[in-house]
Amino acid sequence: MSKPESLRPNAVLKEIMERRKVGAAEVAKSLGVSRQHVYYLMDGRARFTPVMAVRFERAFGLRAEELLQLQLEQDLEEARRAIDSRDEEERRQPAD
């Protein structure tokens, strides 16, 4: 079962940015990363690592454990989907 978008780590980042009315440049400065990395976090191309979660915790007050739990759940969902897709592909291939 897929998680609602609001429970994904990138959605949390977007929500905080909207609530605080800050842009990617300001978030990047707060996290000590490039603006491009913030964009990657926002669109899900970059994952929240333990280091990034601690930086996020210090900058915005959200517990690192909560953010990492969301990331873990998303990673597991993606892994299950990938395995299911691979298994389905193998079932469709004719037996030799």
C-alpha atoms as a PDB file:
ATOM      1  CA  MET A   1       0.000   0.000   0.000  1.00  0.00           C
ATOM      2  CA  SER A   2       1.428   3.352  -1.027  1.00  0.00           C
ATOM      3  CA  LYS A   3       1.902   6.089   1.569  1.00  0.00           C
ATOM      4  CA  PRO A   4       0.128   9.386   1.063  1.00  0.00           C
ATOM      5  CA  GLU A   5       2.428  12.054  -0.348  1.00  0.00           C
ATOM      6  CA  SER A   6       2.120  14.049   2.892  1.00  0.00           C
ATOM      7  CA  LEU A   7       3.958  11.270   4.776  1.00  0.00           C
ATOM      8  CA  ARG A   8       7.007  11.280   2.542  1.00  0.00           C
ATOM      9  CA  PRO A   9      10.184  13.049   3.698  1.00  0.00           C
ATOM     10  CA  ASN A  10      10.269  15.392   0.719  1.00  0.00           C
ATOM     11  CA  ALA A  11       6.697  16.486   1.472  1.00  0.00           C
ATOM     12  CA  VAL A  12       7.733  17.304   5.041  1.00  0.00           C
ATOM     13  CA  LEU A  13      10.515  19.526   3.697  1.00  0.00           C
ATOM     14  CA  LYS A  14       8.121  21.279   1.301  1.00  0.00           C
ATOM     15  CA  GLU A  15       5.577  21.825   4.066  1.00  0.00           C
ATOM     16  CA  ILE A  16       8.172  23.363   6.383  1.00  0.00           C
ATOM     17  CA  MET A  17       9.371  25.632   3.589  1.00  0.00           C
ATOM     18  CA  GLU A  18       5.819  26.769   2.864  1.00  0.00           C
ATOM     19  CA  ARG A  19       4.971  27.287   6.531  1.00  0.00           C
ATOM     20  CA  ARG A  20       8.109  29.295   7.204  1.00  0.00           C
ATOM     21  CA  LYS A  21       7.967  31.044   3.834  1.00  0.00           C
ATOM     22  CA  VAL A  22      11.583  30.202   3.004  1.00  0.00           C
ATOM     23  CA  GLY A  23      13.129  29.278  -0.301  1.00  0.00           C
ATOM     24  CA  ALA A  24      15.672  26.675  -1.303  1.00  0.00           C
ATOM     25  CA  ALA A  25      18.617  29.052  -0.877  1.00  0.00           C
ATOM     26  CA  GLU A  26      17.719  29.799   2.742  1.00  0.00           C
ATOM     27  CA  VAL A  27      17.116  26.119   3.509  1.00  0.00           C
ATOM     28  CA  ALA A  28      20.433  25.213   1.859  1.00  0.00           C
ATOM     29  CA  LYS A  29      22.254  27.710   4.044  1.00  0.00           C
ATOM     30  CA  SER A  30      20.519  26.366   7.187  1.00  0.00           C
ATOM     31  CA  LEU A  31      21.438  22.768   6.286  1.00  0.00           C
ATOM     32  CA  GLY A  32      24.949  23.528   5.046  1.00  0.00           C
ATOM     33  CA  VAL A  33      24.303  22.063   1.592  1.00  0.00           C
ATOM     34  CA  SER A  34      23.940  23.411  -1.932  1.00  0.00           C
ATOM     35  CA  ARG A  35      20.678  24.797  -3.214  1.00  0.00           C
ATOM     36  CA  GLN A  36      20.727  22.023  -5.835  1.00  0.00           C
ATOM     37  CA  HIS A  37      20.825  19.405  -3.080  1.00  0.00           C
ATOM     38  CA  VAL A  38      17.748  20.991  -1.493  1.00  0.00           C
ATOM     39  CA  TYR A  39      15.954  20.710  -4.842  1.00  0.00           C
ATOM     40  CA  TYR A  40      16.985  17.047  -5.026  1.00  0.00           C
ATOM     41  CA  LEU A  41      15.585  16.491  -1.529  1.00  0.00           C
ATOM     42  CA  MET A  42      12.382  18.294  -2.492  1.00  0.00           C
ATOM     43  CA  ASP A  43      11.717  16.155  -5.544  1.00  0.00           C
ATOM     44  CA  GLY A  44      12.845  12.889  -3.963  1.00  0.00           C
ATOM     45  CA  ARG A  45      16.024  12.387  -5.996  1.00  0.00           C
ATOM     46  CA  ALA A  46      18.098  12.653  -2.800  1.00  0.00           C
ATOM     47  CA  ARG A  47      17.351  10.699   0.356  1.00  0.00           C
ATOM     48  CA  PHE A  48      17.438  11.924   3.909  1.00  0.00           C
ATOM     49  CA  THR A  49      20.546  10.325   5.398  1.00  0.00           C
ATOM     50  CA  PRO A  50      21.242  10.265   9.142  1.00  0.00           C
ATOM     51  CA  VAL A  51      23.583  13.249   8.752  1.00  0.00           C
ATOM     52  CA  MET A  52      20.986  15.213   6.779  1.00  0.00           C
ATOM     53  CA  ALA A  53      18.276  14.269   9.288  1.00  0.00           C
ATOM     54  CA  VAL A  54      20.379  15.647  12.169  1.00  0.00           C
ATOM     55  CA  ARG A  55      21.060  18.840  10.219  1.00  0.00           C
ATOM     56  CA  PHE A  56      17.333  19.107   9.524  1.00  0.00           C
ATOM     57  CA  GLU A  57      16.566  18.523  13.214  1.00  0.00           C
ATOM     58  CA  ARG A  58      18.911  21.304  14.297  1.00  0.00           C
ATOM     59  CA  ALA A  59      17.658  23.736  11.670  1.00  0.00           C
ATOM     60  CA  PHE A  60      13.916  23.076  11.859  1.00  0.00           C
ATOM     61  CA  GLY A  61      13.201  21.167  15.071  1.00  0.00           C
ATOM     62  CA  LEU A  62      11.738  17.986  13.565  1.00  0.00           C
ATOM     63  CA  ARG A  63      13.254  14.965  15.327  1.00  0.00           C
ATOM     64  CA  ALA A  64      15.828  13.184  13.165  1.00  0.00           C
ATOM     65  CA  GLU A  65      14.322   9.809  14.113  1.00  0.00           C
ATOM     66  CA  GLU A  66      10.940  10.813  12.713  1.00  0.00           C
ATOM     67  CA  LEU A  67      12.415  11.953   9.429  1.00  0.00           C
ATOM     68  CA  LEU A  68      14.533   8.810   9.136  1.00  0.00           C
ATOM     69  CA  GLN A  69      11.506   6.628   9.878  1.00  0.00           C
ATOM     70  CA  LEU A  70       9.642   8.285   7.011  1.00  0.00           C
ATOM     71  CA  GLN A  71      12.657   7.751   4.749  1.00  0.00           C
ATOM     72  CA  LEU A  72      12.951   4.107   5.802  1.00  0.00           C
ATOM     73  CA  GLU A  73       9.274   3.475   5.094  1.00  0.00           C
ATOM     74  CA  GLN A  74       9.616   5.066   1.665  1.00  0.00           C
ATOM     75  CA  ASP A  75      12.780   3.052   0.905  1.00  0.00           C
ATOM     76  CA  LEU A  76      11.046  -0.204   1.905  1.00  0.00           C
ATOM     77  CA  GLU A  77       8.033   0.623  -0.223  1.00  0.00           C
ATOM     78  CA  GLU A  78      10.271   1.296  -3.225  1.00  0.00           C
ATOM     79  CA  ALA A  79      12.227  -1.933  -2.626  1.00  0.00           C
ATOM     80  CA  ARG A  80       9.036  -3.994  -2.434  1.00  0.00           C
ATOM     81  CA  ARG A  81       7.744  -2.412  -5.619  1.00  0.00           C
ATOM     82  CA  ALA A  82      11.024  -3.112  -7.424  1.00  0.00           C
ATOM     83  CA  ILE A  83      11.072  -6.749  -6.291  1.00  0.00           C
ATOM     84  CA  ASP A  84       7.411  -7.230  -7.194  1.00  0.00           C
ATOM     85  CA  SER A  85       8.085  -5.771 -10.629  1.00  0.00           C
ATOM     86  CA  ARG A  86      11.113  -8.036 -11.143  1.00  0.00           C
ATOM     87  CA  ASP A  87       9.182 -11.086  -9.978  1.00  0.00           C
ATOM     88  CA  GLU A  88       6.326 -10.232 -12.322  1.00  0.00           C
ATOM     89  CA  GLU A  89       8.770  -9.864 -15.215  1.00  0.00           C
ATOM     90  CA  GLU A  90      10.293 -13.269 -14.453  1.00  0.00           C
ATOM     91  CA  ARG A  91       6.846 -14.882 -14.415  1.00  0.00           C
ATOM     92  CA  ARG A  92       6.096 -13.497 -17.870  1.00  0.00           C
ATOM     93  CA  GLN A  93       9.256 -14.883 -19.436  1.00  0.00           C
ATOM     94  CA  PRO A  94       8.822 -18.267 -21.097  1.00  0.00           C
ATOM     95  CA  ALA A  95      10.503 -21.246 -19.468  1.00  0.00           C
ATOM     96  CA  ASP A  96      13.413 -22.764 -21.377  1.00  0.00           C
END
